[in-house]
């Protein structure tokens, strides 16, 4: 099963332990995670279900290509990492 993990900067704001979830896309995996941990959803997705501007989602070390609908495919051994994106200079 795919695994979702959150970096410590997000974990200090909301309880979001790593978990194995079912799904064939990032969106399905996130939905499965949010079904168990609903308080995390608003930290990751906006009110239109898009990845928030200051959040980055990685699949196997590469940033997802589709933050709008999270249609990037995953496999059983995929590691999904959610982190707070840094901006500024």
N, C-alpha and C. Protein backbone atom coordinates (compact mmCIF):
# COMPACT_ATOMS: atom_id res chain seq x y z
N UNK A 1 0.84 -1.19 0.00
CA UNK A 1 0.00 0.00 0.00
C UNK A 1 0.87 1.24 0.00
N UNK A 2 0.43 2.31 -0.67
CA UNK A 2 1.17 3.57 -0.60
C UNK A 2 1.23 4.08 0.84
N UNK A 3 2.27 4.83 1.12
CA UNK A 3 2.46 5.36 2.47
C UNK A 3 2.53 6.88 2.39
N UNK A 4 1.85 7.55 3.30
CA UNK A 4 1.88 9.01 3.39
C UNK A 4 2.62 9.40 4.65
N UNK A 5 3.53 10.36 4.50
CA UNK A 5 4.26 10.89 5.65
C UNK A 5 4.27 12.41 5.56
N UNK A 6 4.26 13.05 6.70
CA UNK A 6 4.25 14.50 6.79
C UNK A 6 5.52 14.96 7.50
N UNK A 7 6.09 16.06 7.04
CA UNK A 7 7.31 16.56 7.66
C UNK A 7 6.99 17.17 9.02
N UNK A 8 8.01 17.32 9.83
CA UNK A 8 7.83 17.79 11.21
C UNK A 8 7.23 19.18 11.28
N UNK A 9 7.49 20.03 10.29
CA UNK A 9 6.92 21.39 10.35
C UNK A 9 5.39 21.36 10.26
N UNK A 10 4.80 20.40 9.57
CA UNK A 10 3.34 20.25 9.57
C UNK A 10 2.86 19.52 10.82
N UNK A 11 3.63 18.54 11.26
CA UNK A 11 3.21 17.76 12.44
C UNK A 11 3.15 18.60 13.70
N UNK A 12 3.88 19.70 13.74
CA UNK A 12 3.82 20.52 14.96
C UNK A 12 2.53 21.34 15.02
N UNK A 13 1.82 21.48 13.88
CA UNK A 13 0.56 22.22 13.84
C UNK A 13 -0.66 21.32 13.99
N UNK A 14 -0.54 20.08 13.52
CA UNK A 14 -1.68 19.17 13.53
C UNK A 14 -1.16 17.74 13.64
N UNK A 15 -1.92 16.90 14.35
CA UNK A 15 -1.53 15.49 14.50
C UNK A 15 -1.72 14.79 13.16
N UNK A 16 -0.61 14.39 12.54
CA UNK A 16 -0.68 13.72 11.23
C UNK A 16 0.40 12.64 11.15
N UNK A 17 0.16 11.53 11.83
CA UNK A 17 1.14 10.44 11.82
C UNK A 17 1.23 9.80 10.43
N UNK A 18 2.37 9.21 10.10
CA UNK A 18 2.47 8.49 8.83
C UNK A 18 1.48 7.33 8.80
N UNK A 19 1.05 6.97 7.60
CA UNK A 19 0.08 5.89 7.49
C UNK A 19 0.14 5.25 6.11
N UNK A 20 -0.23 3.99 6.06
CA UNK A 20 -0.42 3.30 4.79
C UNK A 20 -1.87 3.48 4.39
N UNK A 21 -2.09 3.80 3.12
CA UNK A 21 -3.44 4.07 2.62
C UNK A 21 -3.64 3.35 1.30
N UNK A 22 -4.89 3.22 0.90
CA UNK A 22 -5.19 2.63 -0.39
C UNK A 22 -5.48 3.73 -1.39
N UNK A 23 -5.09 3.50 -2.65
CA UNK A 23 -5.38 4.44 -3.70
C UNK A 23 -4.48 4.23 -4.89
N UNK A 24 -4.96 4.64 -6.06
CA UNK A 24 -4.18 4.54 -7.30
C UNK A 24 -3.64 5.89 -7.75
N UNK A 25 -4.12 6.97 -7.11
CA UNK A 25 -3.63 8.32 -7.40
C UNK A 25 -3.34 9.03 -6.08
N UNK A 26 -2.64 10.13 -6.17
CA UNK A 26 -2.38 10.92 -4.97
C UNK A 26 -3.70 11.37 -4.35
N UNK A 27 -4.65 11.80 -5.18
CA UNK A 27 -5.95 12.25 -4.66
C UNK A 27 -6.66 11.15 -3.87
N UNK A 28 -6.65 9.93 -4.39
CA UNK A 28 -7.30 8.82 -3.69
C UNK A 28 -6.59 8.52 -2.37
N UNK A 29 -5.28 8.59 -2.38
CA UNK A 29 -4.52 8.33 -1.15
C UNK A 29 -4.77 9.42 -0.11
N UNK A 30 -4.79 10.68 -0.55
CA UNK A 30 -5.08 11.76 0.38
C UNK A 30 -6.49 11.62 0.94
N UNK A 31 -7.46 11.29 0.10
CA UNK A 31 -8.84 11.12 0.56
C UNK A 31 -8.93 10.00 1.60
N UNK A 32 -8.21 8.92 1.37
CA UNK A 32 -8.21 7.81 2.33
C UNK A 32 -7.59 8.26 3.65
N UNK A 33 -6.53 9.03 3.59
CA UNK A 33 -5.89 9.54 4.80
C UNK A 33 -6.83 10.48 5.55
N UNK A 34 -7.46 11.42 4.81
CA UNK A 34 -8.34 12.40 5.43
C UNK A 34 -9.59 11.76 6.01
N UNK A 35 -9.98 10.61 5.51
CA UNK A 35 -11.13 9.90 6.07
C UNK A 35 -10.85 9.47 7.51
N UNK A 36 -9.59 9.20 7.81
CA UNK A 36 -9.18 8.78 9.15
C UNK A 36 -8.69 9.96 9.99
N UNK A 37 -8.05 10.92 9.31
CA UNK A 37 -7.48 12.10 9.98
C UNK A 37 -8.05 13.38 9.35
N UNK A 38 -9.34 13.66 9.54
CA UNK A 38 -9.97 14.78 8.83
C UNK A 38 -9.40 16.15 9.18
N UNK A 39 -8.82 16.30 10.35
CA UNK A 39 -8.28 17.59 10.76
C UNK A 39 -7.08 18.02 9.92
N UNK A 40 -6.48 17.12 9.19
CA UNK A 40 -5.28 17.42 8.39
C UNK A 40 -5.66 18.06 7.05
N UNK A 41 -6.86 17.77 6.57
CA UNK A 41 -7.26 18.20 5.23
C UNK A 41 -7.08 19.70 5.00
N UNK A 42 -7.51 20.53 5.93
CA UNK A 42 -7.44 21.98 5.72
C UNK A 42 -6.00 22.51 5.72
N UNK A 43 -5.07 21.75 6.25
CA UNK A 43 -3.67 22.15 6.19
C UNK A 43 -3.05 21.83 4.83
N UNK A 44 -3.61 20.85 4.13
CA UNK A 44 -3.03 20.38 2.87
C UNK A 44 -3.79 20.91 1.65
N UNK A 45 -5.11 20.90 1.71
CA UNK A 45 -5.94 21.30 0.57
C UNK A 45 -6.73 22.56 0.89
N UNK A 46 -6.96 23.37 -0.16
CA UNK A 46 -7.79 24.55 0.02
C UNK A 46 -9.26 24.19 -0.13
N UNK A 47 -10.13 25.18 -0.13
CA UNK A 47 -11.57 24.91 -0.19
C UNK A 47 -12.04 24.40 -1.55
N UNK A 48 -11.15 24.41 -2.55
CA UNK A 48 -11.47 23.85 -3.87
C UNK A 48 -10.75 22.52 -4.09
N UNK A 49 -10.25 21.93 -3.02
CA UNK A 49 -9.56 20.63 -3.03
C UNK A 49 -8.26 20.64 -3.82
N UNK A 50 -7.64 21.79 -3.93
CA UNK A 50 -6.31 21.91 -4.56
C UNK A 50 -5.25 21.94 -3.46
N UNK A 51 -4.07 21.46 -3.79
CA UNK A 51 -2.97 21.55 -2.83
C UNK A 51 -2.72 23.03 -2.54
N UNK A 52 -2.65 23.36 -1.27
CA UNK A 52 -2.43 24.76 -0.88
C UNK A 52 -1.13 25.31 -1.45
N UNK A 53 -1.13 26.61 -1.65
CA UNK A 53 0.02 27.29 -2.26
C UNK A 53 1.34 27.02 -1.53
N UNK A 54 1.30 26.96 -0.23
CA UNK A 54 2.53 26.79 0.54
C UNK A 54 2.70 25.36 1.07
N UNK A 55 2.15 24.42 0.32
CA UNK A 55 2.33 22.99 0.63
C UNK A 55 2.88 22.32 -0.62
N UNK A 56 3.81 21.42 -0.44
CA UNK A 56 4.37 20.64 -1.55
C UNK A 56 4.13 19.16 -1.27
N UNK A 57 3.72 18.45 -2.31
CA UNK A 57 3.48 17.02 -2.20
C UNK A 57 4.43 16.31 -3.16
N UNK A 58 5.14 15.32 -2.64
CA UNK A 58 6.12 14.58 -3.42
C UNK A 58 5.71 13.12 -3.52
N UNK A 59 5.95 12.53 -4.66
CA UNK A 59 5.72 11.10 -4.89
C UNK A 59 7.08 10.51 -5.24
N UNK A 60 7.58 9.66 -4.36
CA UNK A 60 8.87 9.05 -4.61
C UNK A 60 9.99 10.05 -4.81
N UNK A 61 9.95 11.18 -4.13
CA UNK A 61 11.01 12.17 -4.22
C UNK A 61 10.81 13.22 -5.30
N UNK A 62 9.77 13.11 -6.11
CA UNK A 62 9.50 14.10 -7.16
C UNK A 62 8.19 14.82 -6.86
N UNK A 63 8.20 16.14 -7.00
CA UNK A 63 7.00 16.92 -6.73
C UNK A 63 5.90 16.52 -7.72
N UNK A 64 4.66 16.44 -7.22
CA UNK A 64 3.56 16.04 -8.09
C UNK A 64 3.39 17.07 -9.21
N UNK A 65 2.97 16.56 -10.37
CA UNK A 65 2.79 17.41 -11.54
C UNK A 65 1.42 18.07 -11.55
N UNK A 66 0.47 17.54 -10.81
CA UNK A 66 -0.90 17.99 -10.87
C UNK A 66 -1.44 18.37 -9.49
N UNK A 67 -1.01 19.52 -8.95
CA UNK A 67 -1.50 19.91 -7.62
C UNK A 67 -2.97 20.29 -7.60
N UNK A 68 -3.52 20.57 -8.77
CA UNK A 68 -4.94 20.96 -8.85
C UNK A 68 -5.85 19.77 -8.53
N UNK A 69 -5.63 18.63 -9.20
CA UNK A 69 -6.51 17.48 -8.96
C UNK A 69 -5.77 16.27 -8.40
N UNK A 70 -4.47 16.37 -8.21
CA UNK A 70 -3.64 15.31 -7.63
C UNK A 70 -3.83 13.97 -8.34
N UNK A 71 -3.86 14.01 -9.67
CA UNK A 71 -4.09 12.79 -10.46
C UNK A 71 -2.83 11.96 -10.69
N UNK A 72 -1.72 12.38 -10.13
CA UNK A 72 -0.48 11.64 -10.31
C UNK A 72 -0.67 10.20 -9.81
N UNK A 73 -0.25 9.22 -10.61
CA UNK A 73 -0.44 7.82 -10.21
C UNK A 73 0.53 7.39 -9.12
N UNK A 74 0.10 6.42 -8.34
CA UNK A 74 0.95 5.81 -7.31
C UNK A 74 0.86 4.30 -7.43
N UNK A 75 1.84 3.63 -6.87
CA UNK A 75 1.85 2.17 -6.83
C UNK A 75 1.88 1.73 -5.36
N UNK A 76 1.84 0.44 -5.17
CA UNK A 76 1.78 -0.11 -3.81
C UNK A 76 2.99 0.28 -2.96
N UNK A 77 4.14 0.51 -3.58
CA UNK A 77 5.33 0.84 -2.81
C UNK A 77 5.68 2.33 -2.84
N UNK A 78 4.74 3.17 -3.24
CA UNK A 78 4.97 4.61 -3.34
C UNK A 78 5.02 5.25 -1.96
N UNK A 79 5.95 6.18 -1.80
CA UNK A 79 6.03 7.01 -0.60
C UNK A 79 5.58 8.41 -0.99
N UNK A 80 4.52 8.89 -0.37
CA UNK A 80 4.01 10.25 -0.59
C UNK A 80 4.45 11.08 0.61
N UNK A 81 5.13 12.18 0.32
CA UNK A 81 5.59 13.07 1.39
C UNK A 81 4.92 14.42 1.23
N UNK A 82 4.36 14.93 2.32
CA UNK A 82 3.71 16.23 2.32
C UNK A 82 4.53 17.14 3.21
N UNK A 83 4.89 18.32 2.65
CA UNK A 83 5.69 19.24 3.42
C UNK A 83 5.24 20.67 3.19
N UNK A 84 5.57 21.53 4.12
CA UNK A 84 5.29 22.94 3.96
C UNK A 84 6.34 23.50 3.01
N UNK A 85 5.89 24.14 1.93
CA UNK A 85 6.81 24.73 0.97
C UNK A 85 7.34 26.04 1.52
N UNK A 86 8.59 26.29 1.27
CA UNK A 86 9.21 27.54 1.72
C UNK A 86 9.20 28.53 0.56
N UNK A 87 8.98 29.78 0.88
CA UNK A 87 9.02 30.81 -0.16
C UNK A 87 9.81 31.99 0.39
N UNK A 88 10.09 32.90 -0.48
CA UNK A 88 10.85 34.07 -0.08
C UNK A 88 12.28 33.95 -0.55
N UNK A 89 13.10 34.84 -0.10
CA UNK A 89 14.48 34.80 -0.59
C UNK A 89 15.46 35.39 0.37
